[in-house]
Amino acid sequence: MASVRFEYEGQVSSGANSWDNDSNKRVIISLDDNDLTVNELLEEFMNFMKAIGYSFELGDRLDIVNDFKEIKTPETHVGYGAVPPQPIVDESGGVIGVSYPSATPKDPY
């Protein structure tokens, strides 16, 4: 049987992203399940995050995202050649988003 375990040991959250420095909290969530789907696993991880003091808004969810997967977009610069989406990179070199070319072609003259 497959087993997944999330464990936290640390301070208790006192809300608003602050922590009670004199506290100690231990949370362990163990799942014994052979056929967890990715969505089920992410939901259980979100429950674990709530248990250790993080809050989420109604409708929030965790998801797996691949910033490097090819994104299909229409040919946007007809007549001038298509311009592919460009990655937006932060100071550490991590991709934080994608910039799409303008839908209106610019006159090169």
PDB file of N, CA and C in Angstrom:
ATOM      1  N   MET A   1       0.846  -1.177   0.000  1.00  0.00           N
ATOM      2  CA  MET A   1       0.000   0.000   0.000  1.00  0.00           C
ATOM      3  C   MET A   1       0.893   1.243   0.000  1.00  0.00           C
ATOM      4  N   ALA A   2       0.574   2.206  -0.863  1.00  0.00           N
ATOM      5  CA  ALA A   2       1.331   3.454  -0.951  1.00  0.00           C
ATOM      6  C   ALA A   2       1.026   4.323   0.261  1.00  0.00           C
ATOM      7  N   SER A   3       2.046   5.023   0.714  1.00  0.00           N
ATOM      8  CA  SER A   3       1.874   5.895   1.862  1.00  0.00           C
ATOM      9  C   SER A   3       2.467   7.266   1.550  1.00  0.00           C
ATOM     10  N   VAL A   4       1.705   8.304   1.876  1.00  0.00           N
ATOM     11  CA  VAL A   4       2.148   9.683   1.720  1.00  0.00           C
ATOM     12  C   VAL A   4       2.070  10.326   3.094  1.00  0.00           C
ATOM     13  N   ARG A   5       3.096  11.110   3.448  1.00  0.00           N
ATOM     14  CA  ARG A   5       3.118  11.711   4.779  1.00  0.00           C
ATOM     15  C   ARG A   5       3.547  13.169   4.673  1.00  0.00           C
ATOM     16  N   PHE A   6       2.741  14.055   5.243  1.00  0.00           N
ATOM     17  CA  PHE A   6       3.080  15.474   5.372  1.00  0.00           C
ATOM     18  C   PHE A   6       3.318  15.722   6.851  1.00  0.00           C
ATOM     19  N   GLU A   7       4.399  16.408   7.178  1.00  0.00           N
ATOM     20  CA  GLU A   7       4.725  16.633   8.586  1.00  0.00           C
ATOM     21  C   GLU A   7       5.223  18.050   8.791  1.00  0.00           C
ATOM     22  N   TYR A   8       4.752  18.691   9.872  1.00  0.00           N
ATOM     23  CA  TYR A   8       5.179  20.038  10.236  1.00  0.00           C
ATOM     24  C   TYR A   8       5.431  20.079  11.728  1.00  0.00           C
ATOM     25  N   GLU A   9       6.533  20.692  12.105  1.00  0.00           N
ATOM     26  CA  GLU A   9       6.800  20.946  13.518  1.00  0.00           C
ATOM     27  C   GLU A   9       7.357  22.349  13.616  1.00  0.00           C
ATOM     28  N   GLY A  10       6.671  23.202  14.355  1.00  0.00           N
ATOM     29  CA  GLY A  10       7.108  24.591  14.467  1.00  0.00           C
ATOM     30  C   GLY A  10       6.136  25.409  15.274  1.00  0.00           C
ATOM     31  N   GLN A  11       6.149  26.702  14.998  1.00  0.00           N
ATOM     32  CA  GLN A  11       5.329  27.633  15.757  1.00  0.00           C
ATOM     33  C   GLN A  11       3.896  27.656  15.242  1.00  0.00           C
ATOM     34  N   VAL A  12       2.998  28.080  16.123  1.00  0.00           N
ATOM     35  CA  VAL A  12       1.588  28.195  15.782  1.00  0.00           C
ATOM     36  C   VAL A  12       1.363  29.568  15.158  1.00  0.00           C
ATOM     37  N   SER A  13       0.597  29.604  14.087  1.00  0.00           N
ATOM     38  CA  SER A  13       0.249  30.869  13.447  1.00  0.00           C
ATOM     39  C   SER A  13      -0.736  31.618  14.332  1.00  0.00           C
ATOM     40  N   SER A  14      -0.498  32.910  14.486  1.00  0.00           N
ATOM     41  CA  SER A  14      -1.453  33.739  15.226  1.00  0.00           C
ATOM     42  C   SER A  14      -2.252  34.610  14.262  1.00  0.00           C
ATOM     43  N   GLY A  15      -2.255  34.241  12.995  1.00  0.00           N
ATOM     44  CA  GLY A  15      -3.031  34.952  11.980  1.00  0.00           C
ATOM     45  C   GLY A  15      -2.235  36.062  11.328  1.00  0.00           C
ATOM     46  N   ALA A  16      -2.690  36.484  10.167  1.00  0.00           N
ATOM     47  CA  ALA A  16      -2.091  37.601   9.427  1.00  0.00           C
ATOM     48  C   ALA A  16      -0.598  37.396   9.191  1.00  0.00           C
ATOM     49  N   ASN A  17      -0.208  36.183   8.827  1.00  0.00           N
ATOM     50  CA  ASN A  17       1.186  35.854   8.508  1.00  0.00           C
ATOM     51  C   ASN A  17       2.162  36.114   9.649  1.00  0.00           C
ATOM     52  N   SER A  18       1.703  36.010  10.891  1.00  0.00           N
ATOM     53  CA  SER A  18       2.612  36.134  12.026  1.00  0.00           C
ATOM     54  C   SER A  18       2.562  34.835  12.831  1.00  0.00           C
ATOM     55  N   TRP A  19       3.614  34.595  13.597  1.00  0.00           N
ATOM     56  CA  TRP A  19       3.755  33.337  14.314  1.00  0.00           C
ATOM     57  C   TRP A  19       3.993  33.616  15.786  1.00  0.00           C
ATOM     58  N   ASP A  20       3.385  32.813  16.637  1.00  0.00           N
ATOM     59  CA  ASP A  20       3.550  32.914  18.084  1.00  0.00           C
ATOM     60  C   ASP A  20       4.897  32.289  18.443  1.00  0.00           C
ATOM     61  N   ASN A  21       5.851  33.139  18.805  1.00  0.00           N
ATOM     62  CA  ASN A  21       7.228  32.676  19.055  1.00  0.00           C
ATOM     63  C   ASN A  21       7.357  31.731  20.247  1.00  0.00           C
ATOM     64  N   ASP A  22       6.389  31.741  21.159  1.00  0.00           N
ATOM     65  CA  ASP A  22       6.467  30.887  22.351  1.00  0.00           C
ATOM     66  C   ASP A  22       5.696  29.579  22.186  1.00  0.00           C
ATOM     67  N   SER A  23       5.221  29.294  21.000  1.00  0.00           N
ATOM     68  CA  SER A  23       4.385  28.114  20.802  1.00  0.00           C
ATOM     69  C   SER A  23       5.148  26.999  20.096  1.00  0.00           C
ATOM     70  N   ASN A  24       4.555  25.816  20.157  1.00  0.00           N
ATOM     71  CA  ASN A  24       5.104  24.674  19.437  1.00  0.00           C
ATOM     72  C   ASN A  24       3.928  23.847  18.936  1.00  0.00           C
ATOM     73  N   LYS A  25       3.983  23.481  17.673  1.00  0.00           N
ATOM     74  CA  LYS A  25       2.878  22.752  17.059  1.00  0.00           C
ATOM     75  C   LYS A  25       3.465  21.630  16.228  1.00  0.00           C
ATOM     76  N   ARG A  26       2.799  20.493  16.236  1.00  0.00           N
ATOM     77  CA  ARG A  26       3.212  19.363  15.401  1.00  0.00           C
ATOM     78  C   ARG A  26       1.985  18.818  14.691  1.00  0.00           C
ATOM     79  N   VAL A  27       2.060  18.768  13.362  1.00  0.00           N
ATOM     80  CA  VAL A  27       0.960  18.260  12.552  1.00  0.00           C
ATOM     81  C   VAL A  27       1.518  17.182  11.644  1.00  0.00           C
ATOM     82  N   ILE A  28       0.883  16.018  11.667  1.00  0.00           N
ATOM     83  CA  ILE A  28       1.285  14.917  10.785  1.00  0.00           C
ATOM     84  C   ILE A  28       0.014  14.411  10.094  1.00  0.00           C
ATOM     85  N   ILE A  29       0.075  14.365   8.778  1.00  0.00           N
ATOM     86  CA  ILE A  29      -1.020  13.782   8.002  1.00  0.00           C
ATOM     87  C   ILE A  29      -0.439  12.634   7.203  1.00  0.00           C
ATOM     88  N   SER A  30      -0.970  11.438   7.425  1.00  0.00           N
ATOM     89  CA  SER A  30      -0.534  10.252   6.685  1.00  0.00           C
ATOM     90  C   SER A  30      -1.692   9.734   5.853  1.00  0.00           C
ATOM     91  N   LEU A  31      -1.400   9.429   4.606  1.00  0.00           N
ATOM     92  CA  LEU A  31      -2.418   8.892   3.700  1.00  0.00           C
ATOM     93  C   LEU A  31      -1.958   7.532   3.219  1.00  0.00           C
ATOM     94  N   ASP A  32      -2.766   6.543   3.390  1.00  0.00           N
ATOM     95  CA  ASP A  32      -2.484   5.203   2.876  1.00  0.00           C
ATOM     96  C   ASP A  32      -3.505   4.918   1.779  1.00  0.00           C
ATOM     97  N   ASP A  33      -3.082   5.107   0.551  1.00  0.00           N
ATOM     98  CA  ASP A  33      -3.999   4.974  -0.581  1.00  0.00           C
ATOM     99  C   ASP A  33      -3.197   4.607  -1.821  1.00  0.00           C
ATOM    100  N   ASN A  34      -3.604   3.575  -2.517  1.00  0.00           N
ATOM    101  CA  ASN A  34      -2.883   3.118  -3.711  1.00  0.00           C
ATOM    102  C   ASN A  34      -3.270   3.865  -4.975  1.00  0.00           C
ATOM    103  N   ASP A  35      -4.388   4.558  -4.960  1.00  0.00           N
ATOM    104  CA  ASP A  35      -4.842   5.158  -6.219  1.00  0.00           C
ATOM    105  C   ASP A  35      -5.239   6.624  -6.066  1.00  0.00           C
ATOM    106  N   LEU A  36      -4.426   7.399  -5.339  1.00  0.00           N
ATOM    107  CA  LEU A  36      -4.676   8.832  -5.235  1.00  0.00           C
ATOM    108  C   LEU A  36      -4.447   9.490  -6.588  1.00  0.00           C
ATOM    109  N   THR A  37      -5.387  10.324  -7.014  1.00  0.00           N
ATOM    110  CA  THR A  37      -5.157  11.102  -8.222  1.00  0.00           C
ATOM    111  C   THR A  37      -4.345  12.337  -7.848  1.00  0.00           C
ATOM    112  N   VAL A  38      -3.808  13.013  -8.843  1.00  0.00           N
ATOM    113  CA  VAL A  38      -3.050  14.239  -8.589  1.00  0.00           C
ATOM    114  C   VAL A  38      -3.934  15.255  -7.880  1.00  0.00           C
ATOM    115  N   ASN A  39      -5.169  15.414  -8.349  1.00  0.00           N
ATOM    116  CA  ASN A  39      -6.084  16.378  -7.714  1.00  0.00           C
ATOM    117  C   ASN A  39      -6.379  16.021  -6.264  1.00  0.00           C
ATOM    118  N   GLU A  40      -6.559  14.735  -5.974  1.00  0.00           N
ATOM    119  CA  GLU A  40      -6.804  14.306  -4.588  1.00  0.00           C
ATOM    120  C   GLU A  40      -5.588  14.581  -3.707  1.00  0.00           C
ATOM    121  N   LEU A  41      -4.407  14.314  -4.228  1.00  0.00           N
ATOM    122  CA  LEU A  41      -3.184  14.565  -3.464  1.00  0.00           C
ATOM    123  C   LEU A  41      -3.019  16.057  -3.194  1.00  0.00           C
ATOM    124  N   LEU A  42      -3.279  16.893  -4.197  1.00  0.00           N
ATOM    125  CA  LEU A  42      -3.177  18.341  -4.004  1.00  0.00           C
ATOM    126  C   LEU A  42      -4.209  18.848  -3.005  1.00  0.00           C
ATOM    127  N   GLU A  43      -5.405  18.270  -3.026  1.00  0.00           N
ATOM    128  CA  GLU A  43      -6.433  18.657  -2.065  1.00  0.00           C
ATOM    129  C   GLU A  43      -6.004  18.302  -0.640  1.00  0.00           C
ATOM    130  N   GLU A  44      -5.415  17.118  -0.471  1.00  0.00           N
ATOM    131  CA  GLU A  44      -4.936  16.719   0.863  1.00  0.00           C
ATOM    132  C   GLU A  44      -3.775  17.602   1.318  1.00  0.00           C
ATOM    133  N   PHE A  45      -2.905  17.995   0.384  1.00  0.00           N
ATOM    134  CA  PHE A  45      -1.796  18.889   0.742  1.00  0.00           C
ATOM    135  C   PHE A  45      -2.341  20.253   1.149  1.00  0.00           C
ATOM    136  N   MET A  46      -3.379  20.722   0.460  1.00  0.00           N
ATOM    137  CA  MET A  46      -4.000  21.993   0.827  1.00  0.00           C
ATOM    138  C   MET A  46      -4.611  21.898   2.232  1.00  0.00           C
ATOM    139  N   ASN A  47      -5.238  20.766   2.551  1.00  0.00           N
ATOM    140  CA  ASN A  47      -5.766  20.562   3.903  1.00  0.00           C
ATOM    141  C   ASN A  47      -4.646  20.603   4.935  1.00  0.00           C
ATOM    142  N   PHE A  48      -3.502  20.008   4.603  1.00  0.00           N
ATOM    143  CA  PHE A  48      -2.340  20.043   5.483  1.00  0.00           C
ATOM    144  C   PHE A  48      -1.873  21.487   5.693  1.00  0.00           C
ATOM    145  N   MET A  49      -1.815  22.269   4.606  1.00  0.00           N
ATOM    146  CA  MET A  49      -1.392  23.667   4.709  1.00  0.00           C
ATOM    147  C   MET A  49      -2.339  24.452   5.622  1.00  0.00           C
ATOM    148  N   LYS A  50      -3.642  24.165   5.530  1.00  0.00           N
ATOM    149  CA  LYS A  50      -4.617  24.812   6.416  1.00  0.00           C
ATOM    150  C   LYS A  50      -4.351  24.421   7.869  1.00  0.00           C
ATOM    151  N   ALA A  51      -4.028  23.143   8.091  1.00  0.00           N
ATOM    152  CA  ALA A  51      -3.805  22.640   9.455  1.00  0.00           C
ATOM    153  C   ALA A  51      -2.594  23.290  10.112  1.00  0.00           C
ATOM    154  N   ILE A  52      -1.615  23.715   9.310  1.00  0.00           N
ATOM    155  CA  ILE A  52      -0.423  24.325   9.913  1.00  0.00           C
ATOM    156  C   ILE A  52      -0.505  25.850   9.944  1.00  0.00           C
ATOM    157  N   GLY A  53      -1.658  26.409   9.515  1.00  0.00           N
ATOM    158  CA  GLY A  53      -1.871  27.832   9.726  1.00  0.00           C
ATOM    159  C   GLY A  53      -2.032  28.694   8.487  1.00  0.00           C
ATOM    160  N   TYR A  54      -1.934  28.142   7.307  1.00  0.00           N
ATOM    161  CA  TYR A  54      -2.150  28.935   6.103  1.00  0.00           C
ATOM    162  C   TYR A  54      -3.644  29.023   5.819  1.00  0.00           C
ATOM    163  N   SER A  55      -4.056  30.138   5.219  1.00  0.00           N
ATOM    164  CA  SER A  55      -5.478  30.273   4.900  1.00  0.00           C
ATOM    165  C   SER A  55      -5.647  30.436   3.398  1.00  0.00           C
ATOM    166  N   PHE A  56      -6.776  29.973   2.922  1.00  0.00           N
ATOM    167  CA  PHE A  56      -7.114  30.050   1.514  1.00  0.00           C
ATOM    168  C   PHE A  56      -8.503  30.643   1.396  1.00  0.00           C
ATOM    169  N   GLU A  57      -8.757  31.306   0.289  1.00  0.00           N
ATOM    170  CA  GLU A  57     -10.080  31.866   0.057  1.00  0.00           C
ATOM    171  C   GLU A  57     -10.977  30.802  -0.568  1.00  0.00           C
ATOM    172  N   LEU A  58     -12.290  30.994  -0.423  1.00  0.00           N
ATOM    173  CA  LEU A  58     -13.260  30.091  -1.009  1.00  0.00           C
ATOM    174  C   LEU A  58     -13.011  30.004  -2.515  1.00  0.00           C
ATOM    175  N   GLY A  59     -12.892  28.796  -3.019  1.00  0.00           N
ATOM    176  CA  GLY A  59     -12.644  28.595  -4.447  1.00  0.00           C
ATOM    177  C   GLY A  59     -11.175  28.443  -4.813  1.00  0.00           C
ATOM    178  N   ASP A  60     -10.255  28.720  -3.882  1.00  0.00           N
ATOM    179  CA  ASP A  60      -8.829  28.525  -4.160  1.00  0.00           C
ATOM    180  C   ASP A  60      -8.541  27.047  -4.353  1.00  0.00           C
ATOM    181  N   ARG A  61      -7.542  26.746  -5.173  1.00  0.00           N
ATOM    182  CA  ARG A  61      -7.121  25.366  -5.369  1.00  0.00           C
ATOM    183  C   ARG A  61      -5.645  25.353  -5.720  1.00  0.00           C
ATOM    184  N   LEU A  62      -5.012  24.235  -5.516  1.00  0.00           N
ATOM    185  CA  LEU A  62      -3.627  24.029  -5.923  1.00  0.00           C
ATOM    186  C   LEU A  62      -3.648  23.320  -7.266  1.00  0.00           C
ATOM    187  N   ASP A  63      -2.659  23.614  -8.105  1.00  0.00           N
ATOM    188  CA  ASP A  63      -2.619  23.022  -9.432  1.00  0.00           C
ATOM    189  C   ASP A  63      -1.176  22.824  -9.854  1.00  0.00           C
ATOM    190  N   ILE A  64      -0.953  21.888 -10.748  1.00  0.00           N
ATOM    191  CA  ILE A  64       0.362  21.657 -11.339  1.00  0.00           C
ATOM    192  C   ILE A  64       0.423  22.465 -12.629  1.00  0.00           C
ATOM    193  N   VAL A  65       1.465  23.300 -12.772  1.00  0.00           N
ATOM    194  CA  VAL A  65       1.597  24.163 -13.934  1.00  0.00           C
ATOM    195  C   VAL A  65       2.974  23.955 -14.554  1.00  0.00           C
ATOM    196  N   ASN A  66       3.015  23.882 -15.878  1.00  0.00           N
ATOM    197  CA  ASN A  66       4.278  23.759 -16.598  1.00  0.00           C
ATOM    198  C   ASN A  66       4.461  25.007 -17.443  1.00  0.00           C
ATOM    199  N   ASP A  67       5.337  25.929 -16.988  1.00  0.00           N
ATOM    200  CA  ASP A  67       5.578  27.170 -17.709  1.00  0.00           C
ATOM    201  C   ASP A  67       6.319  26.959 -19.021  1.00  0.00           C
ATOM    202  N   PHE A  68       6.900  25.799 -19.203  1.00  0.00           N
ATOM    203  CA  PHE A  68       7.691  25.556 -20.395  1.00  0.00           C
ATOM    204  C   PHE A  68       6.938  24.769 -21.456  1.00  0.00           C
ATOM    205  N   LYS A  69       5.720  24.341 -21.138  1.00  0.00           N
ATOM    206  CA  LYS A  69       4.922  23.601 -22.102  1.00  0.00           C
ATOM    207  C   LYS A  69       4.520  24.537 -23.237  1.00  0.00           C
ATOM    208  N   GLU A  70       4.533  24.029 -24.445  1.00  0.00           N
ATOM    209  CA  GLU A  70       4.203  24.856 -25.598  1.00  0.00           C
ATOM    210  C   GLU A  70       2.793  25.398 -25.475  1.00  0.00           C
ATOM    211  N   ILE A  71       2.667  26.707 -25.632  1.00  0.00           N
ATOM    212  CA  ILE A  71       1.371  27.360 -25.554  1.00  0.00           C
ATOM    213  C   ILE A  71       0.922  27.669 -26.976  1.00  0.00           C
ATOM    214  N   LYS A  72      -0.244  27.173 -27.358  1.00  0.00           N
ATOM    215  CA  LYS A  72      -0.743  27.393 -28.703  1.00  0.00           C
ATOM    216  C   LYS A  72      -1.486  28.733 -28.743  1.00  0.00           C
ATOM    217  N   THR A  73      -0.989  29.637 -29.594  1.00  0.00           N
ATOM    218  CA  THR A  73      -1.624  30.938 -29.771  1.00  0.00           C
ATOM    219  C   THR A  73      -1.816  31.176 -31.263  1.00  0.00           C
ATOM    220  N   PRO A  74      -2.765  32.022 -31.634  1.00  0.00           N
ATOM    221  CA  PRO A  74      -2.963  32.289 -33.058  1.00  0.00           C
ATOM    222  C   PRO A  74      -1.797  33.084 -33.630  1.00  0.00           C
ATOM    223  N   GLU A  75      -1.632  33.011 -34.932  1.00  0.00           N
ATOM    224  CA  GLU A  75      -0.624  33.819 -35.606  1.00  0.00           C
ATOM    225  C   GLU A  75      -1.045  35.280 -35.419  1.00  0.00           C
ATOM    226  N   THR A  76      -0.238  36.060 -34.730  1.00  0.00           N
ATOM    227  CA  THR A  76      -0.666  37.408 -34.359  1.00  0.00           C
ATOM    228  C   THR A  76      -0.106  38.503 -35.257  1.00  0.00           C
ATOM    229  N   HIS A  77       0.982  38.249 -35.919  1.00  0.00           N
ATOM    230  CA  HIS A  77       1.594  39.287 -36.744  1.00  0.00           C
ATOM    231  C   HIS A  77       1.558  38.863 -38.202  1.00  0.00           C
ATOM    232  N   VAL A  78       0.371  38.694 -38.720  1.00  0.00           N
ATOM    233  CA  VAL A  78       0.191  38.246 -40.092  1.00  0.00           C
ATOM    234  C   VAL A  78       0.886  39.243 -41.019  1.00  0.00           C
ATOM    235  N   GLY A  79       1.679  38.731 -41.939  1.00  0.00           N
ATOM    236  CA  GLY A  79       2.387  39.587 -42.870  1.00  0.00           C
ATOM    237  C   GLY A  79       3.782  39.940 -42.410  1.00  0.00           C
ATOM    238  N   TYR A  80       4.024  39.932 -41.109  1.00  0.00           N
ATOM    239  CA  TYR A  80       5.345  40.271 -40.586  1.00  0.00           C
ATOM    240  C   TYR A  80       6.024  39.061 -39.950  1.00  0.00           C
ATOM    241  N   GLY A  81       5.339  37.913 -39.955  1.00  0.00           N
ATOM    242  CA  GLY A  81       5.873  36.720 -39.292  1.00  0.00           C
ATOM    243  C   GLY A  81       5.352  36.657 -37.873  1.00  0.00           C
ATOM    244  N   ALA A  82       5.041  35.475 -37.416  1.00  0.00           N
ATOM    245  CA  ALA A  82       4.495  35.314 -36.063  1.00  0.00           C
ATOM    246  C   ALA A  82       5.593  35.489 -35.025  1.00  0.00           C
ATOM    247  N   VAL A  83       5.257  36.116 -33.927  1.00  0.00           N
ATOM    248  CA  VAL A  83       6.184  36.305 -32.817  1.00  0.00           C
ATOM    249  C   VAL A  83       5.730  35.378 -31.693  1.00  0.00           C
ATOM    250  N   PRO A  84       6.588  34.464 -31.262  1.00  0.00           N
ATOM    251  CA  PRO A  84       6.172  33.525 -30.212  1.00  0.00           C
ATOM    252  C   PRO A  84       6.086  34.222 -28.853  1.00  0.00           C
ATOM    253  N   PRO A  85       5.312  33.662 -27.926  1.00  0.00           N
ATOM    254  CA  PRO A  85       5.274  34.206 -26.569  1.00  0.00           C
ATOM    255  C   PRO A  85       6.675  34.209 -25.966  1.00  0.00           C
ATOM    256  N   GLN A  86       6.978  35.214 -25.150  1.00  0.00           N
ATOM    257  CA  GLN A  86       8.289  35.348 -24.529  1.00  0.00           C
ATOM    258  C   GLN A  86       8.172  35.121 -23.024  1.00  0.00           C
ATOM    259  N   PRO A  87       9.118  34.362 -22.430  1.00  0.00           N
ATOM    260  CA  PRO A  87       9.061  34.154 -20.981  1.00  0.00           C
ATOM    261  C   PRO A  87       9.384  35.440 -20.225  1.00  0.00           C
ATOM    262  N   ILE A  88       8.726  35.646 -19.088  1.00  0.00           N
ATOM    263  CA  ILE A  88       9.039  36.746 -18.180  1.00  0.00           C
ATOM    264  C   ILE A  88       9.869  36.137 -17.061  1.00  0.00           C
ATOM    265  N   VAL A  89      11.090  36.643 -16.879  1.00  0.00           N
ATOM    266  CA  VAL A  89      12.054  36.038 -15.963  1.00  0.00           C
ATOM    267  C   VAL A  89      12.339  37.000 -14.818  1.00  0.00           C
ATOM    268  N   ASP A  90      12.378  36.477 -13.566  1.00  0.00           N
ATOM    269  CA  ASP A  90      12.715  37.323 -12.426  1.00  0.00           C
ATOM    270  C   ASP A  90      14.231  37.416 -12.263  1.00  0.00           C
ATOM    271  N   GLU A  91      14.676  38.163 -11.220  1.00  0.00           N
ATOM    272  CA  GLU A  91      16.102  38.396 -11.008  1.00  0.00           C
ATOM    273  C   GLU A  91      16.918  37.113 -10.812  1.00  0.00           C
ATOM    274  N   SER A  92      16.277  36.066 -10.287  1.00  0.00           N
ATOM    275  CA  SER A  92      17.004  34.821 -10.025  1.00  0.00           C
ATOM    276  C   SER A  92      17.012  33.895 -11.243  1.00  0.00           C
ATOM    277  N   GLY A  93      16.372  34.318 -12.328  1.00  0.00           N
ATOM    278  CA  GLY A  93      16.362  33.497 -13.533  1.00  0.00           C
ATOM    279  C   GLY A  93      15.156  32.581 -13.644  1.00  0.00           C
ATOM    280  N   GLY A  94      14.235  32.639 -12.697  1.00  0.00           N
ATOM    281  CA  GLY A  94      13.045  31.787 -12.732  1.00  0.00           C
ATOM    282  C   GLY A  94      11.966  32.390 -13.619  1.00  0.00           C
ATOM    283  N   VAL A  95      11.284  31.562 -14.357  1.00  0.00           N
ATOM    284  CA  VAL A  95      10.192  32.027 -15.220  1.00  0.00           C
ATOM    285  C   VAL A  95       8.969  32.273 -14.349  1.00  0.00           C
ATOM    286  N   ILE A  96       8.450  33.510 -14.395  1.00  0.00           N
ATOM    287  CA  ILE A  96       7.299  33.861 -13.566  1.00  0.00           C
ATOM    288  C   ILE A  96       6.048  34.133 -14.397  1.00  0.00           C
ATOM    289  N   GLY A  97       6.166  34.060 -15.704  1.00  0.00           N
ATOM    290  CA  GLY A  97       5.002  34.292 -16.554  1.00  0.00           C
ATOM    291  C   GLY A  97       5.385  34.266 -18.018  1.00  0.00           C
ATOM    292  N   VAL A  98       4.421  34.598 -18.858  1.00  0.00           N
ATOM    293  CA  VAL A  98       4.627  34.601 -20.301  1.00  0.00           C
ATOM    294  C   VAL A  98       4.046  35.889 -20.858  1.00  0.00           C
ATOM    295  N   SER A  99       4.790  36.543 -21.753  1.00  0.00           N
ATOM    296  CA  SER A  99       4.334  37.750 -22.423  1.00  0.00           C
ATOM    297  C   SER A  99       3.914  37.400 -23.840  1.00  0.00           C
ATOM    298  N   TYR A 100       2.671  37.729 -24.188  1.00  0.00           N
ATOM    299  CA  TYR A 100       2.167  37.447 -25.529  1.00  0.00           C
ATOM    300  C   TYR A 100       2.318  38.689 -26.396  1.00  0.00           C
ATOM    301  N   PRO A 101       2.611  38.492 -27.677  1.00  0.00           N
ATOM    302  CA  PRO A 101       2.742  39.651 -28.566  1.00  0.00           C
ATOM    303  C   PRO A 101       1.401  40.347 -28.759  1.00  0.00           C
ATOM    304  N   SER A 102       1.465  41.583 -29.171  1.00  0.00           N
ATOM    305  CA  SER A 102       0.261  42.365 -29.424  1.00  0.00           C
ATOM    306  C   SER A 102      -0.571  41.724 -30.526  1.00  0.00           C
ATOM    307  N   ALA A 103      -1.884  41.807 -30.400  1.00  0.00           N
ATOM    308  CA  ALA A 103      -2.767  41.254 -31.425  1.00  0.00           C
ATOM    309  C   ALA A 103      -2.820  42.159 -32.649  1.00  0.00           C
ATOM    310  N   THR A 104      -2.329  43.393 -32.513  1.00  0.00           N
ATOM    311  CA  THR A 104      -2.320  44.340 -33.625  1.00  0.00           C
ATOM    312  C   THR A 104      -0.903  44.457 -34.160  1.00  0.00           C
ATOM    313  N   PRO A 105      -0.685  44.108 -35.440  1.00  0.00           N
ATOM    314  CA  PRO A 105       0.668  44.191 -35.985  1.00  0.00           C
ATOM    315  C   PRO A 105       1.151  45.632 -36.060  1.00  0.00           C
ATOM    316  N   LYS A 106       2.446  45.837 -35.828  1.00  0.00           N
ATOM    317  CA  LYS A 106       3.038  47.156 -35.918  1.00  0.00           C
ATOM    318  C   LYS A 106       3.673  47.308 -37.293  1.00  0.00           C
ATOM    319  N   ASP A 107       3.505  48.474 -37.872  1.00  0.00           N
ATOM    320  CA  ASP A 107       4.088  48.740 -39.176  1.00  0.00           C
ATOM    321  C   ASP A 107       5.595  48.895 -39.008  1.00  0.00           C
ATOM    322  N   PRO A 108       6.404  48.084 -39.719  1.00  0.00           N
ATOM    323  CA  PRO A 108       7.856  48.140 -39.529  1.00  0.00           C
ATOM    324  C   PRO A 108       8.480  49.366 -40.180  1.00  0.00           C
ATOM    325  N   TYR A 109       7.709  50.222 -40.847  1.00  0.00           N
ATOM    326  CA  TYR A 109       8.281  51.387 -41.551  1.00  0.00           C
ATOM    327  C   TYR A 109       8.025  52.679 -40.831  1.00  0.00           C
TER     328      TYR A 109
END
